Amino acid sequence: AQSFSTKSQITNKDDILNWSQDTINKYYDYCLKQGVIPTLDLENVSLELAGPKDAVHEAEKYFLELNNETLKEAHIHSVA
């Protein structure tokens, strides 16, 4: 399967603002290992991913996984 370079933008994700620096670093490390260049814009609350199509898709999925983890942790702390 031939993959080509693509860009993807994830917007209106206020949840990013709840990410710790460790989570941001973890995500950036993951993206770079996949050959994806992430551009996080906290002012506009958006994330742009550039790289091979399949890798960008995986980075999007990983973004959602990390977001779910962050939301679960926030919920646990608010209940405790």
N, C-alpha and C. Protein backbone atom coordinates (compact mmCIF):
# COMPACT_ATOMS: atom_id res chain seq x y z
N ALA A 1 0.84 -1.19 0.00
CA ALA A 1 0.00 0.00 0.00
C ALA A 1 0.88 1.24 0.00
N GLN A 2 0.61 2.10 -0.94
CA GLN A 2 1.37 3.35 -1.05
C GLN A 2 0.76 4.38 -0.10
N SER A 3 1.60 5.01 0.71
CA SER A 3 1.09 6.07 1.56
C SER A 3 1.69 7.38 1.10
N PHE A 4 0.93 8.44 1.25
CA PHE A 4 1.42 9.74 0.82
C PHE A 4 1.29 10.72 1.97
N SER A 5 1.93 11.85 1.82
CA SER A 5 1.94 12.85 2.87
C SER A 5 0.60 13.55 2.95
N THR A 6 0.15 13.81 4.16
CA THR A 6 -1.13 14.46 4.37
C THR A 6 -1.06 15.37 5.58
N LYS A 7 -2.04 16.24 5.69
CA LYS A 7 -2.17 17.10 6.86
C LYS A 7 -3.55 16.89 7.44
N SER A 8 -3.63 16.96 8.75
CA SER A 8 -4.91 16.83 9.43
C SER A 8 -4.95 17.88 10.52
N GLN A 9 -6.11 18.48 10.73
CA GLN A 9 -6.23 19.47 11.79
C GLN A 9 -7.36 19.07 12.72
N ILE A 10 -7.04 19.04 14.00
CA ILE A 10 -8.02 18.73 15.04
C ILE A 10 -8.30 20.05 15.74
N THR A 11 -9.55 20.51 15.69
CA THR A 11 -9.89 21.81 16.27
C THR A 11 -10.95 21.66 17.35
N ASN A 12 -11.16 22.74 18.07
CA ASN A 12 -12.17 22.80 19.13
C ASN A 12 -11.97 21.69 20.15
N LYS A 13 -10.73 21.46 20.50
CA LYS A 13 -10.42 20.43 21.49
C LYS A 13 -9.95 21.10 22.77
N ASP A 14 -10.88 21.71 23.50
CA ASP A 14 -10.53 22.40 24.74
C ASP A 14 -9.88 21.45 25.74
N ASP A 15 -10.09 20.14 25.55
CA ASP A 15 -9.51 19.15 26.45
C ASP A 15 -7.99 19.22 26.45
N ILE A 16 -7.40 19.68 25.35
CA ILE A 16 -5.93 19.80 25.28
C ILE A 16 -5.42 20.69 26.40
N LEU A 17 -6.22 21.68 26.76
CA LEU A 17 -5.80 22.63 27.79
C LEU A 17 -5.63 21.96 29.15
N ASN A 18 -6.21 20.77 29.32
CA ASN A 18 -6.07 20.02 30.57
C ASN A 18 -4.87 19.08 30.57
N TRP A 19 -4.18 18.98 29.44
CA TRP A 19 -3.04 18.07 29.35
C TRP A 19 -1.88 18.60 30.17
N SER A 20 -1.20 17.69 30.85
CA SER A 20 0.03 18.06 31.57
C SER A 20 1.18 18.16 30.57
N GLN A 21 2.27 18.76 31.01
CA GLN A 21 3.44 18.85 30.13
C GLN A 21 3.93 17.45 29.78
N ASP A 22 3.85 16.51 30.73
CA ASP A 22 4.27 15.13 30.47
C ASP A 22 3.43 14.49 29.36
N THR A 23 2.12 14.74 29.38
CA THR A 23 1.24 14.19 28.35
C THR A 23 1.58 14.79 26.98
N ILE A 24 1.82 16.10 26.95
CA ILE A 24 2.20 16.75 25.69
C ILE A 24 3.50 16.16 25.17
N ASN A 25 4.49 15.99 26.05
CA ASN A 25 5.78 15.41 25.65
C ASN A 25 5.60 13.99 25.12
N LYS A 26 4.77 13.21 25.81
CA LYS A 26 4.50 11.82 25.41
C LYS A 26 3.90 11.79 24.00
N TYR A 27 2.97 12.70 23.74
CA TYR A 27 2.32 12.75 22.43
C TYR A 27 3.30 13.19 21.35
N TYR A 28 4.09 14.21 21.64
CA TYR A 28 5.08 14.67 20.66
C TYR A 28 6.08 13.57 20.34
N ASP A 29 6.57 12.87 21.38
CA ASP A 29 7.52 11.77 21.16
C ASP A 29 6.90 10.70 20.26
N TYR A 30 5.64 10.33 20.54
CA TYR A 30 4.95 9.33 19.74
C TYR A 30 4.87 9.77 18.28
N CYS A 31 4.43 11.01 18.07
CA CYS A 31 4.28 11.52 16.70
C CYS A 31 5.60 11.50 15.96
N LEU A 32 6.65 12.00 16.59
CA LEU A 32 7.94 12.08 15.91
C LEU A 32 8.48 10.70 15.56
N LYS A 33 8.25 9.71 16.43
CA LYS A 33 8.68 8.34 16.13
C LYS A 33 7.91 7.77 14.95
N GLN A 34 6.68 8.25 14.74
CA GLN A 34 5.84 7.79 13.62
C GLN A 34 6.13 8.57 12.33
N GLY A 35 6.99 9.59 12.43
CA GLY A 35 7.28 10.41 11.26
C GLY A 35 6.24 11.50 11.02
N VAL A 36 5.50 11.84 12.07
CA VAL A 36 4.46 12.86 11.99
C VAL A 36 4.95 14.11 12.72
N ILE A 37 4.73 15.26 12.09
CA ILE A 37 5.11 16.52 12.73
C ILE A 37 3.85 17.15 13.32
N PRO A 38 3.78 17.22 14.67
CA PRO A 38 2.61 17.83 15.31
C PRO A 38 2.86 19.32 15.55
N THR A 39 1.84 20.13 15.33
CA THR A 39 1.91 21.55 15.65
C THR A 39 0.72 21.86 16.55
N LEU A 40 1.02 22.11 17.81
CA LEU A 40 -0.01 22.38 18.81
C LEU A 40 -0.15 23.88 18.98
N ASP A 41 -1.36 24.38 18.81
CA ASP A 41 -1.64 25.81 18.95
C ASP A 41 -2.62 25.97 20.10
N LEU A 42 -2.10 26.28 21.29
CA LEU A 42 -2.96 26.39 22.47
C LEU A 42 -3.85 27.63 22.42
N GLU A 43 -3.38 28.67 21.75
CA GLU A 43 -4.19 29.89 21.66
C GLU A 43 -5.48 29.64 20.89
N ASN A 44 -5.39 28.91 19.79
CA ASN A 44 -6.57 28.59 18.98
C ASN A 44 -7.12 27.20 19.28
N VAL A 45 -6.53 26.53 20.24
CA VAL A 45 -6.93 25.20 20.67
C VAL A 45 -7.08 24.27 19.47
N SER A 46 -5.98 24.11 18.74
CA SER A 46 -6.00 23.21 17.60
C SER A 46 -4.68 22.45 17.50
N LEU A 47 -4.73 21.36 16.79
CA LEU A 47 -3.56 20.51 16.58
C LEU A 47 -3.50 20.17 15.11
N GLU A 48 -2.34 20.43 14.50
CA GLU A 48 -2.15 20.06 13.10
C GLU A 48 -1.12 18.95 13.04
N LEU A 49 -1.42 17.93 12.25
CA LEU A 49 -0.53 16.79 12.08
C LEU A 49 -0.14 16.70 10.61
N ALA A 50 1.15 16.56 10.34
CA ALA A 50 1.63 16.45 8.96
C ALA A 50 2.56 15.25 8.87
N GLY A 51 2.33 14.41 7.86
CA GLY A 51 3.18 13.25 7.67
C GLY A 51 2.50 12.22 6.79
N PRO A 52 3.06 11.01 6.77
CA PRO A 52 2.45 9.93 5.99
C PRO A 52 1.01 9.67 6.44
N LYS A 53 0.14 9.43 5.48
CA LYS A 53 -1.29 9.28 5.75
C LYS A 53 -1.58 8.29 6.88
N ASP A 54 -1.03 7.09 6.81
CA ASP A 54 -1.29 6.07 7.83
C ASP A 54 -0.79 6.51 9.20
N ALA A 55 0.37 7.15 9.23
CA ALA A 55 0.95 7.60 10.50
C ALA A 55 0.12 8.72 11.10
N VAL A 56 -0.38 9.62 10.26
CA VAL A 56 -1.24 10.71 10.75
C VAL A 56 -2.51 10.11 11.35
N HIS A 57 -3.07 9.11 10.70
CA HIS A 57 -4.27 8.45 11.22
C HIS A 57 -3.99 7.82 12.59
N GLU A 58 -2.85 7.15 12.73
CA GLU A 58 -2.48 6.55 14.02
C GLU A 58 -2.27 7.63 15.08
N ALA A 59 -1.68 8.75 14.69
CA ALA A 59 -1.45 9.85 15.63
C ALA A 59 -2.78 10.45 16.09
N GLU A 60 -3.76 10.51 15.19
CA GLU A 60 -5.10 10.98 15.57
C GLU A 60 -5.72 10.04 16.59
N LYS A 61 -5.60 8.74 16.34
CA LYS A 61 -6.15 7.75 17.28
C LYS A 61 -5.46 7.86 18.64
N TYR A 62 -4.13 8.02 18.63
CA TYR A 62 -3.38 8.13 19.88
C TYR A 62 -3.78 9.40 20.63
N PHE A 63 -4.04 10.47 19.89
CA PHE A 63 -4.52 11.72 20.50
C PHE A 63 -5.81 11.45 21.28
N LEU A 64 -6.74 10.74 20.66
CA LEU A 64 -8.01 10.44 21.32
C LEU A 64 -7.81 9.55 22.55
N GLU A 65 -6.88 8.59 22.45
CA GLU A 65 -6.59 7.72 23.60
C GLU A 65 -6.04 8.54 24.77
N LEU A 66 -5.07 9.42 24.49
CA LEU A 66 -4.50 10.25 25.55
C LEU A 66 -5.56 11.18 26.13
N ASN A 67 -6.41 11.70 25.28
CA ASN A 67 -7.47 12.59 25.74
C ASN A 67 -8.41 11.85 26.68
N ASN A 68 -8.77 10.61 26.33
CA ASN A 68 -9.63 9.81 27.20
C ASN A 68 -8.97 9.54 28.54
N GLU A 69 -7.67 9.22 28.52
CA GLU A 69 -6.94 8.99 29.77
C GLU A 69 -6.97 10.24 30.64
N THR A 70 -6.73 11.39 30.04
CA THR A 70 -6.71 12.66 30.78
C THR A 70 -8.07 12.95 31.38
N LEU A 71 -9.13 12.73 30.61
CA LEU A 71 -10.48 12.97 31.11
C LEU A 71 -10.84 12.02 32.24
N LYS A 72 -10.43 10.75 32.12
CA LYS A 72 -10.69 9.78 33.18
C LYS A 72 -9.98 10.18 34.47
N GLU A 73 -8.71 10.59 34.34
CA GLU A 73 -7.95 11.01 35.52
C GLU A 73 -8.60 12.23 36.17
N ALA A 74 -9.04 13.18 35.37
CA ALA A 74 -9.69 14.38 35.89
C ALA A 74 -10.98 14.02 36.61
N HIS A 75 -11.74 13.07 36.05
CA HIS A 75 -12.99 12.64 36.66
C HIS A 75 -12.72 11.93 37.99
N ILE A 76 -11.72 11.06 38.01
CA ILE A 76 -11.37 10.34 39.24
C ILE A 76 -10.98 11.32 40.34
N HIS A 77 -10.18 12.34 39.98
CA HIS A 77 -9.76 13.33 40.97
C HIS A 77 -10.92 14.18 41.46
N SER A 78 -11.89 14.45 40.60
CA SER A 78 -13.02 15.28 41.00
C SER A 78 -13.99 14.49 41.89
N VAL A 79 -14.04 13.18 41.73
CA VAL A 79 -14.93 12.34 42.53
C VAL A 79 -14.30 12.03 43.88
N ALA A 80 -12.98 11.87 43.89
CA ALA A 80 -12.27 11.49 45.12
C ALA A 80 -12.26 12.59 46.15
